[in-house]
Amino acid sequence: MRLLPQLIENNRKWVSNVNNADPEFFDRLSRGQSPELLWIGCADSRVPANQILGLLPGDVFVHRNIANVVVHSDFNCQSVIEYAVSVLKVKHIIVCGHYSCGGVKAASENHHVGLIDNWLRHIRDVRQKHETVLDAIEDEGEKFDRLCELNVVEQAYNVCHSTVVQEAWQRNQELAVHGWIYSIGDGLLKDLNVTISKPTEIAAAYRVAIDQQIA
């Protein structure tokens, strides 16, 4: 029960430090937000978007779920994308997964977990789709890493085919979709060569990302 009061105290110290460094910070923040980035990432506590990118509150619009999955039936995620693209006019959507992802690992092991099995089905579909590529990798650690990467590529592909993004491109709105992955072991981001700014780029970017090997 001592944890929550400590968190309140931590907040007070954080506010004090921010005000000392920039007395106008919270006043500016209260006037509204105009981030250029939408981050779709994993809910893992070790993967906080702002800290990884070295950005401040107000700089990144964020959606996180188990294993950074984007599916057309998830109205939560689709609503976030719509607000980010249509209202905030973000210029970049970054789908960022991470190595050692618990959701991807659970999906790859075929164990019954519970309610989350329904969510992990999406990742199992990714694994099945790329079964030939994955089976060719002998090292289990590399295979797991590659599935984490392929999951990012597939989710970025799903973002590109969402109604909101397709309509934004039809009206020539400046918008690019990117696929990245984060290494918890060293804190570094890796670009998976998924950068798509118009519908005609989808197929080529997808092919390059799928064909590349882990570096």
Protein backbone atom coordinates (compact mmCIF):
# COMPACT_ATOMS: atom_id res chain seq x y z
CA MET A 1 0.00 0.00 0.00
CA ARG A 2 3.04 2.29 0.26
CA LEU A 3 3.60 2.21 -3.51
CA LEU A 4 0.83 4.59 -4.56
CA PRO A 5 1.77 7.48 -2.22
CA GLN A 6 5.34 7.11 -3.48
CA LEU A 7 4.13 7.47 -7.05
CA ILE A 8 2.29 10.68 -6.15
CA GLU A 9 5.48 11.98 -4.58
CA ASN A 10 7.44 10.99 -7.68
CA ASN A 11 4.95 13.01 -9.74
CA ARG A 12 5.46 16.08 -7.56
CA LYS A 13 9.22 15.84 -7.99
CA TRP A 14 8.89 15.37 -11.75
CA VAL A 15 6.66 18.46 -12.06
CA SER A 16 9.12 20.48 -10.00
CA ASN A 17 12.04 19.40 -12.17
CA VAL A 18 10.15 20.20 -15.38
CA ASN A 19 9.09 23.62 -14.11
CA ASN A 20 12.64 24.44 -13.08
CA ALA A 21 13.92 23.51 -16.53
CA ASP A 22 11.05 25.10 -18.49
CA PRO A 23 8.51 27.23 -16.55
CA GLU A 24 6.21 27.50 -19.61
CA PHE A 25 6.12 23.77 -20.40
CA PHE A 26 2.77 22.81 -18.85
CA ASP A 27 1.11 26.01 -20.03
CA ARG A 28 2.09 25.17 -23.62
CA LEU A 29 1.02 21.56 -23.19
CA SER A 30 -2.42 22.56 -21.89
CA ARG A 31 -3.19 24.50 -25.09
CA GLY A 32 -3.43 21.33 -27.17
CA GLN A 33 -1.41 18.71 -28.98
CA SER A 34 0.04 18.59 -32.47
CA PRO A 35 2.28 15.51 -32.64
CA GLU A 36 3.69 14.45 -35.99
CA LEU A 37 4.04 10.81 -34.92
CA LEU A 38 1.63 8.00 -34.13
CA TRP A 39 3.40 5.14 -32.35
CA ILE A 40 1.72 1.73 -32.41
CA GLY A 41 3.71 -0.42 -30.03
CA CYS A 42 3.62 -3.27 -27.57
CA ALA A 43 2.15 -2.85 -24.10
CA ASP A 44 5.35 -4.30 -22.60
CA SER A 45 6.45 -2.08 -19.69
CA ARG A 46 10.02 -2.05 -21.01
CA VAL A 47 9.09 -0.33 -24.28
CA PRO A 48 7.93 3.25 -23.51
CA ALA A 49 7.61 5.27 -26.72
CA ASN A 50 8.63 8.74 -25.55
CA GLN A 51 11.73 7.60 -23.68
CA ILE A 52 12.93 5.39 -26.53
CA LEU A 53 12.59 8.25 -29.00
CA GLY A 54 13.99 10.86 -26.63
CA LEU A 55 10.85 12.99 -26.99
CA LEU A 56 8.71 14.95 -24.55
CA PRO A 57 5.02 14.64 -23.63
CA GLY A 58 2.99 16.04 -26.52
CA ASP A 59 5.39 14.84 -29.21
CA VAL A 60 3.98 11.33 -29.80
CA PHE A 61 0.43 10.02 -30.04
CA VAL A 62 0.52 6.46 -28.72
CA HIS A 63 -1.44 3.24 -29.02
CA ARG A 64 -0.13 0.08 -27.34
CA ASN A 65 -1.45 -3.46 -27.09
CA ILE A 66 -0.12 -6.99 -26.68
CA ALA A 67 2.44 -7.57 -29.46
CA ASN A 68 1.61 -4.36 -31.40
CA VAL A 69 -1.16 -6.01 -33.41
CA VAL A 70 -3.24 -4.04 -35.94
CA VAL A 71 -6.41 -5.71 -37.21
CA HIS A 72 -9.46 -4.23 -38.93
CA SER A 73 -11.81 -5.59 -36.24
CA ASP A 74 -10.03 -3.81 -33.37
CA PHE A 75 -12.04 -0.60 -33.18
CA ASN A 76 -9.84 0.74 -30.39
CA CYS A 77 -6.75 0.70 -32.58
CA GLN A 78 -8.63 1.79 -35.70
CA SER A 79 -10.15 4.73 -33.80
CA VAL A 80 -6.70 5.81 -32.63
CA ILE A 81 -5.44 5.68 -36.21
CA GLU A 82 -8.43 7.69 -37.41
CA TYR A 83 -7.99 10.40 -34.76
CA ALA A 84 -4.26 10.61 -35.38
CA VAL A 85 -4.58 10.83 -39.17
CA SER A 86 -7.83 12.74 -39.65
CA VAL A 87 -7.76 15.11 -36.66
CA LEU A 88 -4.15 15.46 -35.54
CA LYS A 89 -2.81 15.13 -39.10
CA VAL A 90 0.23 13.11 -38.06
CA LYS A 91 2.82 12.67 -40.78
CA HIS A 92 4.24 9.35 -39.65
CA ILE A 93 2.80 6.12 -38.24
CA ILE A 94 5.46 3.93 -36.65
CA VAL A 95 4.61 0.31 -35.93
CA CYS A 96 7.27 -0.77 -33.47
CA GLY A 97 7.66 -4.27 -32.09
CA HIS A 98 10.47 -5.57 -29.94
CA TYR A 99 12.65 -8.62 -29.63
CA SER A 100 11.85 -10.96 -26.69
CA CYS A 101 8.15 -10.09 -27.08
CA GLY A 102 6.10 -12.19 -24.67
CA GLY A 103 3.03 -12.10 -26.91
CA VAL A 104 4.97 -13.36 -29.92
CA LYS A 105 6.62 -16.04 -27.80
CA ALA A 106 3.28 -17.25 -26.43
CA ALA A 107 1.86 -17.36 -29.96
CA SER A 108 4.82 -19.39 -31.19
CA GLU A 109 4.52 -22.06 -28.50
CA ASN A 110 0.88 -23.09 -29.08
CA HIS A 111 0.19 -23.26 -25.34
CA HIS A 112 -3.29 -22.49 -24.04
CA VAL A 113 -3.03 -19.19 -22.17
CA GLY A 114 -6.67 -18.16 -21.73
CA LEU A 115 -8.71 -15.28 -23.11
CA ILE A 116 -5.60 -13.83 -24.75
CA ASP A 117 -5.45 -16.88 -27.04
CA ASN A 118 -8.03 -15.11 -29.22
CA TRP A 119 -5.69 -12.14 -29.58
CA LEU A 120 -2.61 -14.28 -30.16
CA ARG A 121 -4.42 -15.97 -33.03
CA HIS A 122 -3.44 -12.97 -35.17
CA ILE A 123 0.25 -13.62 -34.52
CA ARG A 124 -0.17 -17.34 -35.09
CA ASP A 125 -1.59 -16.44 -38.48
CA VAL A 126 1.61 -14.48 -39.19
CA ARG A 127 3.70 -17.48 -38.14
CA GLN A 128 1.70 -19.82 -40.34
CA LYS A 129 1.90 -17.44 -43.31
CA HIS A 130 5.71 -17.38 -43.10
CA GLU A 131 6.18 -20.98 -41.95
CA THR A 132 8.57 -21.83 -44.79
CA VAL A 133 10.87 -18.90 -44.00
CA LEU A 134 10.84 -19.61 -40.26
CA ASP A 135 11.39 -23.36 -40.62
CA ALA A 136 14.56 -22.64 -42.62
CA ILE A 137 16.10 -20.96 -39.55
CA GLU A 138 17.74 -23.59 -37.35
CA ASP A 139 18.65 -21.46 -34.35
CA GLU A 140 15.59 -21.07 -32.13
CA GLY A 141 16.64 -17.65 -30.88
CA GLU A 142 17.05 -16.32 -34.42
CA LYS A 143 13.74 -17.88 -35.41
CA PHE A 144 11.99 -16.11 -32.53
CA ASP A 145 13.63 -12.80 -33.46
CA ARG A 146 12.59 -13.22 -37.10
CA LEU A 147 8.98 -13.87 -36.09
CA CYS A 148 9.05 -10.66 -34.03
CA GLU A 149 10.25 -8.82 -37.15
CA LEU A 150 7.72 -10.47 -39.46
CA ASN A 151 4.95 -9.55 -37.05
CA VAL A 152 5.94 -5.88 -37.34
CA VAL A 153 6.00 -6.09 -41.14
CA GLU A 154 2.53 -7.66 -41.25
CA GLN A 155 1.05 -5.10 -38.84
CA ALA A 156 2.54 -2.21 -40.81
CA TYR A 157 1.01 -3.78 -43.91
CA ASN A 158 -2.34 -3.86 -42.11
CA VAL A 159 -2.02 -0.17 -41.23
CA CYS A 160 -1.42 0.65 -44.88
CA HIS A 161 -4.60 -1.17 -45.88
CA SER A 162 -6.77 0.44 -43.23
CA THR A 163 -9.63 2.58 -44.53
CA VAL A 164 -8.34 5.71 -42.81
CA VAL A 165 -4.84 5.50 -44.26
CA GLN A 166 -6.09 4.59 -47.73
CA GLU A 167 -8.45 7.58 -47.72
CA ALA A 168 -5.68 9.89 -46.49
CA TRP A 169 -3.50 8.89 -49.41
CA GLN A 170 -6.40 9.33 -51.82
CA ARG A 171 -6.67 12.97 -50.77
CA ASN A 172 -2.87 13.34 -51.06
CA GLN A 173 -2.34 13.84 -47.34
CA GLU A 174 1.31 13.63 -46.33
CA LEU A 175 1.57 10.36 -44.41
CA ALA A 176 4.18 7.61 -44.17
CA VAL A 177 3.98 4.23 -42.44
CA HIS A 178 7.14 2.71 -40.96
CA GLY A 179 8.03 -0.67 -39.45
CA TRP A 180 10.65 -0.66 -36.69
CA ILE A 181 11.79 -3.06 -34.00
CA TYR A 182 13.36 -2.35 -30.63
CA SER A 183 16.00 -4.32 -28.77
CA ILE A 184 15.47 -4.31 -25.02
CA GLY A 185 19.00 -5.74 -24.64
CA ASP A 186 20.79 -2.65 -25.93
CA GLY A 187 18.05 -0.02 -26.22
CA LEU A 188 18.49 0.44 -29.97
CA LEU A 189 15.85 0.76 -32.67
CA LYS A 190 16.15 -1.01 -36.02
CA ASP A 191 14.44 0.08 -39.23
CA LEU A 192 12.97 -2.97 -40.97
CA ASN A 193 12.98 -1.24 -44.38
CA VAL A 194 9.26 -0.66 -44.25
CA THR A 195 8.60 2.95 -45.27
CA ILE A 196 5.45 3.48 -47.30
CA SER A 197 4.05 6.87 -48.28
CA LYS A 198 1.59 5.90 -51.01
CA PRO A 199 -0.36 2.80 -52.07
CA THR A 200 1.92 2.00 -55.00
CA GLU A 201 4.85 1.48 -52.61
CA ILE A 202 3.16 -1.16 -50.47
CA ALA A 203 4.01 -4.27 -52.49
CA ALA A 204 7.69 -3.42 -53.01
CA ALA A 205 8.29 -2.40 -49.39
CA TYR A 206 6.54 -5.53 -48.14
CA ARG A 207 8.64 -7.75 -50.41
CA VAL A 208 11.92 -6.13 -49.32
CA ALA A 209 11.03 -6.40 -45.64
CA ILE A 210 10.00 -10.05 -45.89
CA ASP A 211 13.10 -11.05 -47.87
CA GLN A 212 15.66 -9.37 -45.64
CA GLN A 213 17.63 -11.37 -43.09
CA ILE A 214 18.34 -10.48 -39.47
CA ALA A 215 21.42 -8.29 -39.30
